[in-house]
Amino acid sequence: MVIYSIMPHEVIFSQTEEHPQKTQHITYRGQTLAVTQVAANQCRVDRIITTNLKAYLDPGLQPGTIIEYDIKTI
C-alpha cells in the first residue's frame, strides 16, 4: 500500500496504545480463539481462529464478547 501524504510517517504509523495488550490463543468450548485478558479470570475475544463455520455464528464466541476463562501465563 502506498500512502501519499505531507504528514511524516511517524504521525501516520504511531501507536495509539501506550501499553499494547497481550493476545493469547486458547481453546474454549472446542474452538480456538485469540483473546486478551481483561480481569483475573475474564478474557475478551479478539478473533475466532477455527475452520468450524458454526463457531462464527455462535453469539458467545463473537469478537468483543467477555468470556470466563482463567489464563495463568499472562
PDB file of N, CA and C in Angstrom:
ATOM      1  N   MET A   1       0.848  -1.165   0.000  1.00  0.00           N
ATOM      2  CA  MET A   1       0.000   0.000   0.000  1.00  0.00           C
ATOM      3  C   MET A   1       0.898   1.233   0.000  1.00  0.00           C
ATOM      4  N   VAL A   2       0.564   2.200  -0.805  1.00  0.00           N
ATOM      5  CA  VAL A   2       1.305   3.451  -0.899  1.00  0.00           C
ATOM      6  C   VAL A   2       0.430   4.559  -0.340  1.00  0.00           C
ATOM      7  N   ILE A   3       1.006   5.346   0.563  1.00  0.00           N
ATOM      8  CA  ILE A   3       0.281   6.473   1.148  1.00  0.00           C
ATOM      9  C   ILE A   3       0.979   7.752   0.706  1.00  0.00           C
ATOM     10  N   TYR A   4       0.259   8.602  -0.002  1.00  0.00           N
ATOM     11  CA  TYR A   4       0.772   9.896  -0.423  1.00  0.00           C
ATOM     12  C   TYR A   4       0.256  10.940   0.559  1.00  0.00           C
ATOM     13  N   SER A   5       1.155  11.480   1.369  1.00  0.00           N
ATOM     14  CA  SER A   5       0.749  12.431   2.380  1.00  0.00           C
ATOM     15  C   SER A   5       1.893  13.382   2.696  1.00  0.00           C
ATOM     16  N   ILE A   6       1.543  14.564   3.180  1.00  0.00           N
ATOM     17  CA  ILE A   6       2.573  15.507   3.623  1.00  0.00           C
ATOM     18  C   ILE A   6       2.924  15.278   5.090  1.00  0.00           C
ATOM     19  N   MET A   7       2.166  14.431   5.759  1.00  0.00           N
ATOM     20  CA  MET A   7       2.412  14.132   7.165  1.00  0.00           C
ATOM     21  C   MET A   7       3.603  13.182   7.286  1.00  0.00           C
ATOM     22  N   PRO A   8       4.443  13.349   8.305  1.00  0.00           N
ATOM     23  CA  PRO A   8       5.555  12.421   8.498  1.00  0.00           C
ATOM     24  C   PRO A   8       5.046  11.016   8.829  1.00  0.00           C
ATOM     25  N   HIS A   9       5.812  10.019   8.453  1.00  0.00           N
ATOM     26  CA  HIS A   9       5.354   8.648   8.680  1.00  0.00           C
ATOM     27  C   HIS A   9       5.242   8.315  10.166  1.00  0.00           C
ATOM     28  N   GLU A  10       5.948   9.027  11.050  1.00  0.00           N
ATOM     29  CA  GLU A  10       5.824   8.798  12.489  1.00  0.00           C
ATOM     30  C   GLU A  10       4.415   9.145  12.979  1.00  0.00           C
ATOM     31  N   VAL A  11       3.808  10.153  12.375  1.00  0.00           N
ATOM     32  CA  VAL A  11       2.457  10.553  12.770  1.00  0.00           C
ATOM     33  C   VAL A  11       1.430   9.558  12.238  1.00  0.00           C
ATOM     34  N   ILE A  12       1.598   9.133  10.997  1.00  0.00           N
ATOM     35  CA  ILE A  12       0.635   8.224  10.377  1.00  0.00           C
ATOM     36  C   ILE A  12       0.669   6.849  11.034  1.00  0.00           C
ATOM     37  N   PHE A  13       1.865   6.349  11.315  1.00  0.00           N
ATOM     38  CA  PHE A  13       2.002   4.992  11.838  1.00  0.00           C
ATOM     39  C   PHE A  13       2.284   4.955  13.330  1.00  0.00           C
ATOM     40  N   SER A  14       1.895   5.976  14.072  1.00  0.00           N
ATOM     41  CA  SER A  14       2.140   5.990  15.510  1.00  0.00           C
ATOM     42  C   SER A  14       1.227   4.989  16.210  1.00  0.00           C
ATOM     43  N   GLN A  15       1.704   4.476  17.304  1.00  0.00           N
ATOM     44  CA  GLN A  15       0.916   3.538  18.102  1.00  0.00           C
ATOM     45  C   GLN A  15      -0.097   4.323  18.913  1.00  0.00           C
ATOM     46  N   THR A  16      -1.343   3.868  18.915  1.00  0.00           N
ATOM     47  CA  THR A  16      -2.388   4.565  19.659  1.00  0.00           C
ATOM     48  C   THR A  16      -2.445   4.102  21.108  1.00  0.00           C
ATOM     49  N   GLU A  17      -1.971   2.909  21.394  1.00  0.00           N
ATOM     50  CA  GLU A  17      -1.987   2.402  22.759  1.00  0.00           C
ATOM     51  C   GLU A  17      -0.603   2.541  23.374  1.00  0.00           C
ATOM     52  N   GLU A  18      -0.572   3.015  24.627  1.00  0.00           N
ATOM     53  CA  GLU A  18       0.706   3.107  25.315  1.00  0.00           C
ATOM     54  C   GLU A  18       1.193   1.733  25.746  1.00  0.00           C
ATOM     55  N   HIS A  19       0.282   0.907  26.189  1.00  0.00           N
ATOM     56  CA  HIS A  19       0.613  -0.438  26.640  1.00  0.00           C
ATOM     57  C   HIS A  19      -0.166  -1.438  25.795  1.00  0.00           C
ATOM     58  N   PRO A  20       0.454  -1.981  24.764  1.00  0.00           N
ATOM     59  CA  PRO A  20      -0.288  -2.937  23.929  1.00  0.00           C
ATOM     60  C   PRO A  20      -0.679  -4.178  24.716  1.00  0.00           C
ATOM     61  N   GLN A  21      -1.849  -4.683  24.447  1.00  0.00           N
ATOM     62  CA  GLN A  21      -2.373  -5.853  25.141  1.00  0.00           C
ATOM     63  C   GLN A  21      -1.724  -7.109  24.599  1.00  0.00           C
ATOM     64  N   LYS A  22      -1.545  -8.090  25.469  1.00  0.00           N
ATOM     65  CA  LYS A  22      -1.003  -9.382  25.051  1.00  0.00           C
ATOM     66  C   LYS A  22      -2.156 -10.266  24.598  1.00  0.00           C
ATOM     67  N   THR A  23      -2.064 -10.726  23.382  1.00  0.00           N
ATOM     68  CA  THR A  23      -3.076 -11.628  22.840  1.00  0.00           C
ATOM     69  C   THR A  23      -2.562 -13.050  22.946  1.00  0.00           C
ATOM     70  N   GLN A  24      -3.440 -13.947  23.409  1.00  0.00           N
ATOM     71  CA  GLN A  24      -3.080 -15.354  23.501  1.00  0.00           C
ATOM     72  C   GLN A  24      -4.114 -16.187  22.781  1.00  0.00           C
ATOM     73  N   HIS A  25      -3.688 -17.315  22.280  1.00  0.00           N
ATOM     74  CA  HIS A  25      -4.590 -18.257  21.626  1.00  0.00           C
ATOM     75  C   HIS A  25      -4.969 -19.319  22.640  1.00  0.00           C
ATOM     76  N   ILE A  26      -6.281 -19.525  22.812  1.00  0.00           N
ATOM     77  CA  ILE A  26      -6.780 -20.519  23.756  1.00  0.00           C
ATOM     78  C   ILE A  26      -7.787 -21.419  23.048  1.00  0.00           C
ATOM     79  N   THR A  27      -8.073 -22.542  23.671  1.00  0.00           N
ATOM     80  CA  THR A  27      -9.154 -23.410  23.207  1.00  0.00           C
ATOM     81  C   THR A  27     -10.294 -23.275  24.207  1.00  0.00           C
ATOM     82  N   TYR A  28     -11.422 -22.781  23.728  1.00  0.00           N
ATOM     83  CA  TYR A  28     -12.590 -22.523  24.568  1.00  0.00           C
ATOM     84  C   TYR A  28     -13.795 -23.173  23.911  1.00  0.00           C
ATOM     85  N   ARG A  29     -14.464 -24.057  24.627  1.00  0.00           N
ATOM     86  CA  ARG A  29     -15.612 -24.818  24.116  1.00  0.00           C
ATOM     87  C   ARG A  29     -15.287 -25.502  22.787  1.00  0.00           C
ATOM     88  N   GLY A  30     -14.051 -26.006  22.665  1.00  0.00           N
ATOM     89  CA  GLY A  30     -13.649 -26.748  21.483  1.00  0.00           C
ATOM     90  C   GLY A  30     -13.219 -25.900  20.302  1.00  0.00           C
ATOM     91  N   GLN A  31     -13.175 -24.579  20.462  1.00  0.00           N
ATOM     92  CA  GLN A  31     -12.813 -23.672  19.371  1.00  0.00           C
ATOM     93  C   GLN A  31     -11.546 -22.903  19.750  1.00  0.00           C
ATOM     94  N   THR A  32     -10.714 -22.600  18.783  1.00  0.00           N
ATOM     95  CA  THR A  32      -9.506 -21.818  19.021  1.00  0.00           C
ATOM     96  C   THR A  32      -9.838 -20.339  18.865  1.00  0.00           C
ATOM     97  N   LEU A  33      -9.485 -19.558  19.899  1.00  0.00           N
ATOM     98  CA  LEU A  33      -9.781 -18.126  19.923  1.00  0.00           C
ATOM     99  C   LEU A  33      -8.531 -17.342  20.264  1.00  0.00           C
ATOM    100  N   ALA A  34      -8.430 -16.125  19.756  1.00  0.00           N
ATOM    101  CA  ALA A  34      -7.410 -15.174  20.180  1.00  0.00           C
ATOM    102  C   ALA A  34      -8.088 -14.244  21.182  1.00  0.00           C
ATOM    103  N   VAL A  35      -7.551 -14.201  22.408  1.00  0.00           N
ATOM    104  CA  VAL A  35      -8.186 -13.439  23.477  1.00  0.00           C
ATOM    105  C   VAL A  35      -7.178 -12.523  24.152  1.00  0.00           C
ATOM    106  N   THR A  36      -7.717 -11.505  24.837  1.00  0.00           N
ATOM    107  CA  THR A  36      -6.937 -10.600  25.667  1.00  0.00           C
ATOM    108  C   THR A  36      -7.532 -10.634  27.056  1.00  0.00           C
ATOM    109  N   GLN A  37      -6.683 -10.792  28.064  1.00  0.00           N
ATOM    110  CA  GLN A  37      -7.177 -10.852  29.438  1.00  0.00           C
ATOM    111  C   GLN A  37      -7.581  -9.456  29.900  1.00  0.00           C
ATOM    112  N   VAL A  38      -8.803  -9.345  30.473  1.00  0.00           N
ATOM    113  CA  VAL A  38      -9.296  -8.056  30.949  1.00  0.00           C
ATOM    114  C   VAL A  38      -9.475  -8.026  32.461  1.00  0.00           C
ATOM    115  N   ALA A  39      -9.557  -9.187  33.090  1.00  0.00           N
ATOM    116  CA  ALA A  39      -9.684  -9.287  34.544  1.00  0.00           C
ATOM    117  C   ALA A  39      -9.005 -10.581  34.979  1.00  0.00           C
ATOM    118  N   ALA A  40      -9.103 -10.885  36.275  1.00  0.00           N
ATOM    119  CA  ALA A  40      -8.404 -12.058  36.812  1.00  0.00           C
ATOM    120  C   ALA A  40      -8.796 -13.341  36.099  1.00  0.00           C
ATOM    121  N   ASN A  41     -10.065 -13.554  35.865  1.00  0.00           N
ATOM    122  CA  ASN A  41     -10.489 -14.780  35.172  1.00  0.00           C
ATOM    123  C   ASN A  41     -11.469 -14.469  34.043  1.00  0.00           C
ATOM    124  N   GLN A  42     -11.296 -13.330  33.406  1.00  0.00           N
ATOM    125  CA  GLN A  42     -12.132 -12.948  32.269  1.00  0.00           C
ATOM    126  C   GLN A  42     -11.255 -12.535  31.099  1.00  0.00           C
ATOM    127  N   CYS A  43     -11.696 -12.907  29.901  1.00  0.00           N
ATOM    128  CA  CYS A  43     -10.970 -12.568  28.674  1.00  0.00           C
ATOM    129  C   CYS A  43     -11.943 -11.990  27.665  1.00  0.00           C
ATOM    130  N   ARG A  44     -11.440 -11.115  26.807  1.00  0.00           N
ATOM    131  CA  ARG A  44     -12.222 -10.558  25.711  1.00  0.00           C
ATOM    132  C   ARG A  44     -11.801 -11.270  24.425  1.00  0.00           C
ATOM    133  N   VAL A  45     -12.782 -11.736  23.665  1.00  0.00           N
ATOM    134  CA  VAL A  45     -12.498 -12.421  22.406  1.00  0.00           C
ATOM    135  C   VAL A  45     -12.084 -11.371  21.372  1.00  0.00           C
ATOM    136  N   ASP A  46     -10.896 -11.551  20.792  1.00  0.00           N
ATOM    137  CA  ASP A  46     -10.417 -10.650  19.746  1.00  0.00           C
ATOM    138  C   ASP A  46     -10.685 -11.221  18.360  1.00  0.00           C
ATOM    139  N   ARG A  47     -10.430 -12.524  18.184  1.00  0.00           N
ATOM    140  CA  ARG A  47     -10.632 -13.170  16.888  1.00  0.00           C
ATOM    141  C   ARG A  47     -11.037 -14.617  17.103  1.00  0.00           C
ATOM    142  N   ILE A  48     -11.744 -15.153  16.134  1.00  0.00           N
ATOM    143  CA  ILE A  48     -12.062 -16.583  16.098  1.00  0.00           C
ATOM    144  C   ILE A  48     -11.087 -17.212  15.119  1.00  0.00           C
ATOM    145  N   ILE A  49     -10.369 -18.226  15.584  1.00  0.00           N
ATOM    146  CA  ILE A  49      -9.384 -18.897  14.724  1.00  0.00           C
ATOM    147  C   ILE A  49      -9.778 -20.369  14.654  1.00  0.00           C
ATOM    148  N   THR A  50     -10.622 -20.701  13.723  1.00  0.00           N
ATOM    149  CA  THR A  50     -11.069 -22.074  13.567  1.00  0.00           C
ATOM    150  C   THR A  50     -11.596 -22.263  12.157  1.00  0.00           C
ATOM    151  N   THR A  51     -11.695 -23.506  11.751  1.00  0.00           N
ATOM    152  CA  THR A  51     -12.288 -23.798  10.445  1.00  0.00           C
ATOM    153  C   THR A  51     -13.735 -24.236  10.574  1.00  0.00           C
ATOM    154  N   ASN A  52     -14.222 -24.340  11.795  1.00  0.00           N
ATOM    155  CA  ASN A  52     -15.611 -24.726  12.034  1.00  0.00           C
ATOM    156  C   ASN A  52     -16.514 -23.511  11.788  1.00  0.00           C
ATOM    157  N   LEU A  53     -17.331 -23.569  10.761  1.00  0.00           N
ATOM    158  CA  LEU A  53     -18.167 -22.418  10.402  1.00  0.00           C
ATOM    159  C   LEU A  53     -19.244 -22.120  11.430  1.00  0.00           C
ATOM    160  N   LYS A  54     -19.683 -23.121  12.191  1.00  0.00           N
ATOM    161  CA  LYS A  54     -20.702 -22.879  13.215  1.00  0.00           C
ATOM    162  C   LYS A  54     -20.181 -21.982  14.341  1.00  0.00           C
ATOM    163  N   ALA A  55     -18.884 -21.964  14.556  1.00  0.00           N
ATOM    164  CA  ALA A  55     -18.314 -21.123  15.606  1.00  0.00           C
ATOM    165  C   ALA A  55     -18.515 -19.641  15.295  1.00  0.00           C
ATOM    166  N   TYR A  56     -18.520 -19.285  14.026  1.00  0.00           N
ATOM    167  CA  TYR A  56     -18.698 -17.885  13.631  1.00  0.00           C
ATOM    168  C   TYR A  56     -20.134 -17.400  13.838  1.00  0.00           C
ATOM    169  N   LEU A  57     -21.077 -18.330  13.956  1.00  0.00           N
ATOM    170  CA  LEU A  57     -22.472 -17.966  14.195  1.00  0.00           C
ATOM    171  C   LEU A  57     -22.844 -18.010  15.672  1.00  0.00           C
ATOM    172  N   ASP A  58     -21.948 -18.511  16.516  1.00  0.00           N
ATOM    173  CA  ASP A  58     -22.214 -18.624  17.951  1.00  0.00           C
ATOM    174  C   ASP A  58     -22.056 -17.247  18.601  1.00  0.00           C
ATOM    175  N   PRO A  59     -23.122 -16.672  19.167  1.00  0.00           N
ATOM    176  CA  PRO A  59     -23.020 -15.336  19.765  1.00  0.00           C
ATOM    177  C   PRO A  59     -22.097 -15.298  20.984  1.00  0.00           C
ATOM    178  N   GLY A  60     -21.850 -16.434  21.613  1.00  0.00           N
ATOM    179  CA  GLY A  60     -20.949 -16.474  22.765  1.00  0.00           C
ATOM    180  C   GLY A  60     -19.486 -16.421  22.391  1.00  0.00           C
ATOM    181  N   LEU A  61     -19.168 -16.535  21.110  1.00  0.00           N
ATOM    182  CA  LEU A  61     -17.782 -16.511  20.651  1.00  0.00           C
ATOM    183  C   LEU A  61     -17.462 -15.305  19.773  1.00  0.00           C
ATOM    184  N   GLN A  62     -18.400 -14.397  19.619  1.00  0.00           N
ATOM    185  CA  GLN A  62     -18.193 -13.248  18.739  1.00  0.00           C
ATOM    186  C   GLN A  62     -17.129 -12.306  19.309  1.00  0.00           C
ATOM    187  N   PRO A  63     -16.318 -11.668  18.455  1.00  0.00           N
ATOM    188  CA  PRO A  63     -15.315 -10.717  18.941  1.00  0.00           C
ATOM    189  C   PRO A  63     -15.947  -9.608  19.776  1.00  0.00           C
ATOM    190  N   GLY A  64     -15.288  -9.310  20.887  1.00  0.00           N
ATOM    191  CA  GLY A  64     -15.790  -8.320  21.833  1.00  0.00           C
ATOM    192  C   GLY A  64     -16.509  -8.938  23.015  1.00  0.00           C
ATOM    193  N   THR A  65     -16.873 -10.209  22.916  1.00  0.00           N
ATOM    194  CA  THR A  65     -17.568 -10.895  23.995  1.00  0.00           C
ATOM    195  C   THR A  65     -16.597 -11.181  25.131  1.00  0.00           C
ATOM    196  N   ILE A  66     -17.049 -10.971  26.357  1.00  0.00           N
ATOM    197  CA  ILE A  66     -16.248 -11.294  27.541  1.00  0.00           C
ATOM    198  C   ILE A  66     -16.607 -12.715  27.962  1.00  0.00           C
ATOM    199  N   ILE A  67     -15.572 -13.570  28.091  1.00  0.00           N
ATOM    200  CA  ILE A  67     -15.784 -14.958  28.483  1.00  0.00           C
ATOM    201  C   ILE A  67     -15.067 -15.226  29.802  1.00  0.00           C
ATOM    202  N   GLU A  68     -15.575 -16.198  30.540  1.00  0.00           N
ATOM    203  CA  GLU A  68     -14.935 -16.624  31.781  1.00  0.00           C
ATOM    204  C   GLU A  68     -13.881 -17.671  31.437  1.00  0.00           C
ATOM    205  N   TYR A  69     -12.612 -17.327  31.621  1.00  0.00           N
ATOM    206  CA  TYR A  69     -11.521 -18.245  31.325  1.00  0.00           C
ATOM    207  C   TYR A  69     -10.322 -17.810  32.139  1.00  0.00           C
ATOM    208  N   ASP A  70      -9.667 -18.741  32.793  1.00  0.00           N
ATOM    209  CA  ASP A  70      -8.529 -18.425  33.648  1.00  0.00           C
ATOM    210  C   ASP A  70      -7.240 -18.663  32.878  1.00  0.00           C
ATOM    211  N   ILE A  71      -6.523 -17.597  32.549  1.00  0.00           N
ATOM    212  CA  ILE A  71      -5.228 -17.703  31.883  1.00  0.00           C
ATOM    213  C   ILE A  71      -4.169 -17.455  32.957  1.00  0.00           C
ATOM    214  N   LYS A  72      -3.371 -18.460  33.212  1.00  0.00           N
ATOM    215  CA  LYS A  72      -2.381 -18.359  34.287  1.00  0.00           C
ATOM    216  C   LYS A  72      -1.048 -17.807  33.807  1.00  0.00           C
ATOM    217  N   THR A  73      -0.816 -17.753  32.481  1.00  0.00           N
ATOM    218  CA  THR A  73       0.517 -17.395  31.980  1.00  0.00           C
ATOM    219  C   THR A  73       0.631 -15.960  31.500  1.00  0.00           C
ATOM    220  N   ILE A  74      -0.434 -15.155  31.554  1.00  0.00           N
ATOM    221  CA  ILE A  74      -0.319 -13.753  31.105  1.00  0.00           C
ATOM    222  C   ILE A  74       0.273 -12.918  32.213  1.00  0.00           C
TER     223      ILE A  74
END
